[in-house]
Amino acid sequence: MPSLIQTSTEVAEALATNQAVVALESTIITHGMPYPQNLETALRVEETVREQGAVPATIAMVDGIGRAGLVRAELETLAKLGPQVTKCSRRDIPYLISQKKHGATTVAATMILAAKAGISIFATGGIGGVHPGVADTWDISADLQELAQTNVAVVCAGAKSILDLPKTLEYLETVGVPVIGYQTEEFPAFFTRRSGLKVEINLNSPSDIARLLRAKWDFGLQGGVLVANPIPLASEPDYAHLEKAIKTAQAQAQEQRIQGKALTPFLLDRIEKETQGESLKANIQLVLNNARLAAKIARAYAQL
């Protein structure tokens, strides 16, 4: 069979010469925001990684092949197709390979392809987690199990505030995933810096985080690390307004019986409408902030 994972020339050369590389997901392009903001944001995120001295590797499935490092034309194709592209998690990869289809990778799928390409640091917006009402729905994101088994560090703004955050953190603790608060003792909740939940590990520099990653993987402990990086204070939406928008969106999802992989895009879209676009602006700023930190960690990790 032909190679099922391909890296761009730029990414391959960077990995071969031990340069810093940062993986970026593609679901945020197709399902996270509308066109053309999605394309503009994808390009800004890549540029932000470059500004910090690292090489960006946007990851997706293209014609059934895992790709690490997309060219401009491929980014434009995904951005224009939007939700028509399959939202790809671990379970979807075999289907996309066998049918030679496009797929926009979630956190879980991005981790898998990044690890296969040899990339250890990944920047995203927020991870999935345990959804409210889990006792009835068993709706738990595959992101959590992937963090338990795949050796990639995920830099994010915590877990989305639409989730059951205490159960999400409990799950991560159970499966042995270190959760690092970057310059914070409180677990951030995506759009907001606040959750009321403490993190056990607080590190204040990218080099400290890089050393923890090296120690974990050199010791043979399989699995990822979650780096929780709060949204910049200046970009944080009004908390009361945001809380009201989230509750409204969740009620609408329950009324329409929306579950599974369709739930998060639905909620984010409704929250954007309820906040008159403020949540989208915040989403963009937190992704850029995470890309910035991930690039710094990748540089420190490459130097070890």
Protein backbone atom coordinates (compact mmCIF):
# COMPACT_ATOMS: atom_id res chain seq x y z
CA MET A 1 0.00 0.00 0.00
CA PRO A 2 1.17 3.58 -0.57
CA SER A 3 2.15 5.63 2.47
CA LEU A 4 -0.95 6.52 4.49
CA ILE A 5 0.74 9.45 6.25
CA GLN A 6 2.57 12.14 4.31
CA THR A 7 4.37 15.24 5.52
CA SER A 8 4.91 18.39 3.48
CA THR A 9 8.46 19.12 2.34
CA GLU A 10 8.75 21.93 4.89
CA VAL A 11 7.56 19.79 7.80
CA ALA A 12 9.68 16.78 6.75
CA GLU A 13 12.83 18.94 6.58
CA ALA A 14 12.06 20.51 9.96
CA LEU A 15 11.62 17.13 11.62
CA ALA A 16 14.77 15.74 9.98
CA THR A 17 16.84 18.63 11.35
CA ASN A 18 15.23 18.65 14.83
CA GLN A 19 13.45 21.96 14.39
CA ALA A 20 10.36 22.88 16.36
CA VAL A 21 7.11 21.74 14.72
CA VAL A 22 3.55 22.40 15.93
CA ALA A 23 0.59 20.31 14.79
CA LEU A 24 -2.69 22.13 14.12
CA GLU A 25 -6.13 20.56 13.74
CA SER A 26 -8.44 21.05 10.78
CA THR A 27 -11.89 20.61 12.36
CA ILE A 28 -11.69 24.20 13.54
CA ILE A 29 -11.51 25.16 9.84
CA THR A 30 -14.46 23.09 8.65
CA HIS A 31 -16.72 22.98 11.71
CA GLY A 32 -15.44 25.68 14.06
CA MET A 33 -16.30 28.89 12.21
CA PRO A 34 -17.80 30.09 8.93
CA TYR A 35 -16.04 30.94 5.66
CA PRO A 36 -14.00 33.13 5.13
CA GLN A 37 -13.15 33.64 8.82
CA ASN A 38 -12.10 29.98 9.02
CA LEU A 39 -9.50 30.35 6.26
CA GLU A 40 -8.26 33.68 7.59
CA THR A 41 -7.91 32.18 11.07
CA ALA A 42 -6.10 29.07 9.80
CA LEU A 43 -3.56 31.25 8.00
CA ARG A 44 -3.16 33.55 11.02
CA VAL A 45 -2.58 30.57 13.31
CA GLU A 46 0.12 29.20 10.98
CA GLU A 47 1.76 32.64 10.81
CA THR A 48 1.66 32.93 14.60
CA VAL A 49 3.55 29.63 14.91
CA ARG A 50 6.15 30.87 12.41
CA GLU A 51 6.58 34.16 14.29
CA GLN A 52 7.62 32.14 17.36
CA GLY A 53 10.29 30.25 15.41
CA ALA A 54 8.44 26.98 14.77
CA VAL A 55 7.02 25.25 11.70
CA PRO A 56 3.21 24.82 11.50
CA ALA A 57 1.78 21.47 10.39
CA THR A 58 -1.97 21.68 9.79
CA ILE A 59 -3.27 18.12 9.78
CA ALA A 60 -6.15 16.54 7.82
CA MET A 61 -7.13 13.53 5.76
CA VAL A 62 -6.83 14.38 2.05
CA ASP A 63 -8.13 11.81 -0.43
CA GLY A 64 -7.74 9.14 2.24
CA ILE A 65 -4.16 10.02 3.13
CA GLY A 66 -3.12 11.51 6.46
CA ARG A 67 -1.39 14.82 5.77
CA ALA A 68 0.86 16.77 8.13
CA GLY A 69 1.35 20.19 6.58
CA LEU A 70 -1.27 21.48 4.17
CA VAL A 71 -0.58 23.92 1.33
CA ARG A 72 -2.70 27.05 0.81
CA ALA A 73 -4.92 25.44 -1.85
CA GLU A 74 -5.77 22.53 0.47
CA LEU A 75 -6.64 24.92 3.31
CA GLU A 76 -8.91 26.85 0.96
CA THR A 77 -10.66 23.66 -0.16
CA LEU A 78 -11.42 22.61 3.42
CA ALA A 79 -12.53 26.13 4.36
CA LYS A 80 -14.98 26.38 1.46
CA LEU A 81 -16.39 22.87 1.90
CA GLY A 82 -16.89 23.46 5.61
CA PRO A 83 -19.26 20.96 7.30
CA GLN A 84 -19.49 18.95 4.07
CA VAL A 85 -16.11 17.48 5.06
CA THR A 86 -16.31 14.50 7.41
CA LYS A 87 -15.49 15.36 11.01
CA CYS A 88 -12.81 12.76 11.61
CA SER A 89 -12.03 11.12 14.93
CA ARG A 90 -10.19 7.83 15.58
CA ARG A 91 -13.10 5.65 14.48
CA ASP A 92 -13.44 7.47 11.13
CA ILE A 93 -9.86 7.12 9.90
CA PRO A 94 -10.20 3.57 8.41
CA TYR A 95 -13.32 4.56 6.50
CA LEU A 96 -11.70 7.68 5.04
CA ILE A 97 -8.59 5.71 4.04
CA SER A 98 -10.58 2.93 2.38
CA GLN A 99 -12.89 5.36 0.52
CA LYS A 100 -10.15 7.92 -0.26
CA LYS A 101 -12.16 10.76 1.24
CA HIS A 102 -11.32 14.08 2.89
CA GLY A 103 -11.55 14.38 6.65
CA ALA A 104 -11.12 17.29 9.05
CA THR A 105 -9.33 15.97 12.12
CA THR A 106 -10.60 16.43 15.66
CA VAL A 107 -8.23 16.61 18.63
CA ALA A 108 -8.12 12.80 18.81
CA ALA A 109 -7.43 12.24 15.11
CA THR A 110 -4.92 15.09 14.98
CA MET A 111 -3.01 13.50 17.86
CA ILE A 112 -2.90 10.16 16.05
CA LEU A 113 -1.63 11.61 12.78
CA ALA A 114 0.80 13.96 14.53
CA ALA A 115 2.32 11.06 16.47
CA LYS A 116 2.67 8.99 13.29
CA ALA A 117 4.40 11.93 11.59
CA GLY A 118 6.76 12.38 14.56
CA ILE A 119 5.26 15.62 15.93
CA SER A 120 5.00 15.91 19.71
CA ILE A 121 3.35 19.32 20.26
CA PHE A 122 -0.16 20.25 19.15
CA ALA A 123 -2.13 23.49 19.51
CA THR A 124 -5.92 23.61 19.42
CA GLY A 125 -8.78 25.68 20.81
CA GLY A 126 -10.32 23.47 23.48
CA ILE A 127 -10.58 19.73 23.99
CA GLY A 128 -13.77 17.70 24.11
CA GLY A 129 -14.79 16.04 27.33
CA VAL A 130 -17.66 14.58 29.33
CA HIS A 131 -21.01 16.05 28.32
CA PRO A 132 -23.75 16.93 30.84
CA GLY A 133 -26.20 14.07 31.34
CA VAL A 134 -23.50 11.47 30.70
CA ALA A 135 -25.27 8.93 32.91
CA ASP A 136 -28.04 8.76 30.30
CA THR A 137 -26.16 9.48 27.05
CA TRP A 138 -22.65 8.11 27.71
CA ASP A 139 -21.45 11.06 25.61
CA ILE A 140 -17.71 11.23 26.31
CA SER A 141 -15.33 12.71 23.77
CA ALA A 142 -12.74 10.41 22.19
CA ASP A 143 -10.23 13.20 22.90
CA LEU A 144 -9.95 12.03 26.51
CA GLN A 145 -9.08 8.43 25.68
CA GLU A 146 -6.62 9.59 23.03
CA LEU A 147 -4.85 11.71 25.62
CA ALA A 148 -4.52 8.54 27.70
CA GLN A 149 -2.64 6.62 25.00
CA THR A 150 -0.98 8.88 22.41
CA ASN A 151 2.31 10.66 23.10
CA VAL A 152 1.39 14.21 22.09
CA ALA A 153 1.14 17.32 24.25
CA VAL A 154 -2.06 19.28 23.62
CA VAL A 155 -2.01 23.03 24.26
CA CYS A 156 -5.55 24.33 24.67
CA ALA A 157 -7.73 26.82 26.53
CA GLY A 158 -8.99 24.01 28.74
CA ALA A 159 -12.19 22.16 27.94
CA LYS A 160 -15.22 23.86 26.46
CA SER A 161 -17.50 25.38 29.09
CA ILE A 162 -20.48 23.55 27.57
CA LEU A 163 -19.09 20.35 29.14
CA ASP A 164 -19.22 18.77 32.58
CA LEU A 165 -15.79 20.02 33.64
CA PRO A 166 -15.49 18.24 37.02
CA LYS A 167 -16.18 14.86 35.38
CA THR A 168 -13.82 15.71 32.50
CA LEU A 169 -10.96 16.39 34.92
CA GLU A 170 -11.84 13.28 36.93
CA TYR A 171 -11.66 11.17 33.76
CA LEU A 172 -8.24 12.61 32.88
CA GLU A 173 -6.97 11.89 36.38
CA THR A 174 -8.25 8.31 36.22
CA VAL A 175 -6.43 7.58 32.95
CA GLY A 176 -3.22 9.24 34.16
CA VAL A 177 -3.08 12.36 31.98
CA PRO A 178 -1.09 15.22 33.58
CA VAL A 179 -3.03 18.48 33.39
CA ILE A 180 -0.74 21.52 33.51
CA GLY A 181 -2.02 24.98 34.24
CA TYR A 182 0.21 27.44 32.39
CA GLN A 183 0.65 30.44 34.68
CA THR A 184 -2.63 29.57 36.38
CA GLU A 185 -3.83 27.46 39.29
CA GLU A 186 -7.37 27.27 37.90
CA PHE A 187 -8.50 25.11 35.00
CA PRO A 188 -9.71 27.43 32.22
CA ALA A 189 -13.06 26.82 30.54
CA PHE A 190 -12.41 27.79 26.92
CA PHE A 191 -14.15 31.19 26.53
CA THR A 192 -13.49 32.04 30.16
CA ARG A 193 -10.45 31.88 32.42
CA ARG A 194 -12.68 30.70 35.28
CA SER A 195 -14.08 27.32 36.16
CA GLY A 196 -13.67 27.16 39.94
CA LEU A 197 -11.60 23.98 39.48
CA LYS A 198 -7.97 23.72 40.53
CA VAL A 199 -5.18 22.12 38.53
CA GLU A 200 -2.65 19.94 40.35
CA ILE A 201 0.35 21.10 38.31
CA ASN A 202 1.19 24.76 37.74
CA LEU A 203 4.17 25.62 35.50
CA ASN A 204 5.17 29.12 34.48
CA SER A 205 7.55 28.67 31.53
CA PRO A 206 7.61 26.76 28.22
CA SER A 207 10.97 25.22 29.22
CA ASP A 208 9.47 23.80 32.43
CA ILE A 209 6.68 22.21 30.39
CA ALA A 210 9.17 20.82 27.86
CA ARG A 211 11.17 19.19 30.66
CA LEU A 212 8.03 17.55 32.05
CA LEU A 213 7.22 16.13 28.60
CA ARG A 214 10.73 14.76 28.22
CA ALA A 215 10.65 13.22 31.71
CA LYS A 216 7.28 11.53 31.07
CA TRP A 217 8.15 10.00 27.73
CA ASP A 218 11.76 9.13 28.58
CA PHE A 219 10.43 7.23 31.59
CA GLY A 220 8.23 5.20 29.26
CA LEU A 221 4.87 6.54 30.43
CA GLN A 222 2.58 6.35 27.43
CA GLY A 223 -0.01 9.00 26.73
CA GLY A 224 -0.34 12.71 26.25
CA VAL A 225 -0.18 15.80 28.42
CA LEU A 226 -2.79 18.55 28.58
CA VAL A 227 -1.46 22.11 28.80
CA ALA A 228 -4.26 24.44 29.88
CA ASN A 229 -3.57 27.99 28.69
CA PRO A 230 -6.22 30.55 29.71
CA ILE A 231 -7.70 32.90 27.13
CA PRO A 232 -6.00 36.34 27.31
CA LEU A 233 -7.77 38.55 29.83
CA ALA A 234 -8.44 41.25 27.24
CA SER A 235 -10.23 38.72 24.98
CA GLU A 236 -12.46 37.14 27.63
CA PRO A 237 -16.20 37.74 26.97
CA ASP A 238 -18.54 39.03 29.66
CA TYR A 239 -19.07 36.05 31.96
CA ALA A 240 -22.77 36.59 32.76
CA HIS A 241 -23.67 37.12 29.10
CA LEU A 242 -21.68 34.05 28.08
CA GLU A 243 -23.27 31.86 30.77
CA LYS A 244 -26.74 32.86 29.62
CA ALA A 245 -25.83 32.09 25.97
CA ILE A 246 -24.48 28.66 26.90
CA LYS A 247 -27.62 27.70 28.82
CA THR A 248 -29.83 28.86 25.94
CA ALA A 249 -27.79 26.84 23.42
CA GLN A 250 -27.87 23.73 25.61
CA ALA A 251 -31.64 23.98 25.98
CA GLN A 252 -32.04 24.26 22.20
CA ALA A 253 -29.81 21.22 21.65
CA GLN A 254 -31.85 19.19 24.12
CA GLU A 255 -35.12 20.23 22.50
CA GLN A 256 -33.81 19.21 19.06
CA ARG A 257 -32.19 16.03 20.42
CA ILE A 258 -28.79 16.85 18.97
CA GLN A 259 -26.06 14.52 20.21
CA GLY A 260 -22.71 12.99 19.26
CA LYS A 261 -20.30 14.71 16.88
CA ALA A 262 -22.98 17.20 15.79
CA LEU A 263 -23.44 18.60 19.30
CA THR A 264 -20.36 20.78 19.76
CA PRO A 265 -20.59 22.57 16.38
CA PHE A 266 -24.31 23.18 17.04
CA LEU A 267 -23.65 24.66 20.47
CA LEU A 268 -20.79 26.87 19.30
CA ASP A 269 -22.93 28.20 16.44
CA ARG A 270 -25.83 29.00 18.76
CA ILE A 271 -23.53 30.62 21.33
CA GLU A 272 -22.03 32.82 18.59
CA LYS A 273 -25.50 33.99 17.60
CA GLU A 274 -26.54 34.61 21.22
CA THR A 275 -23.39 36.68 21.87
CA GLN A 276 -23.62 38.63 18.57
CA GLY A 277 -20.29 37.26 17.41
CA GLU A 278 -18.33 37.93 20.62
CA SER A 279 -17.71 34.23 21.20
CA LEU A 280 -16.23 33.86 17.69
CA LYS A 281 -13.81 36.72 18.31
CA ALA A 282 -12.81 35.10 21.60
CA ASN A 283 -12.41 31.72 19.89
CA ILE A 284 -9.97 33.19 17.36
CA GLN A 285 -7.91 34.95 20.03
CA LEU A 286 -7.61 31.89 22.26
CA VAL A 287 -6.49 29.71 19.32
CA LEU A 288 -3.79 32.26 18.43
CA ASN A 289 -2.72 32.39 22.07
CA ASN A 290 -2.43 28.60 22.20
CA ALA A 291 -0.44 28.49 18.96
CA ARG A 292 1.97 31.04 20.41
CA LEU A 293 2.57 28.98 23.55
CA ALA A 294 2.77 25.67 21.67
CA ALA A 295 5.50 27.07 19.42
CA LYS A 296 7.51 28.19 22.44
CA ILE A 297 7.13 24.74 24.05
CA ALA A 298 8.11 23.04 20.78
CA ARG A 299 11.27 25.14 20.58
CA ALA A 300 12.19 24.33 24.17
CA TYR A 301 11.46 20.63 23.61
CA ALA A 302 13.62 20.52 20.45
CA GLN A 303 16.54 21.97 22.40
CA LEU A 304 16.50 19.27 25.09
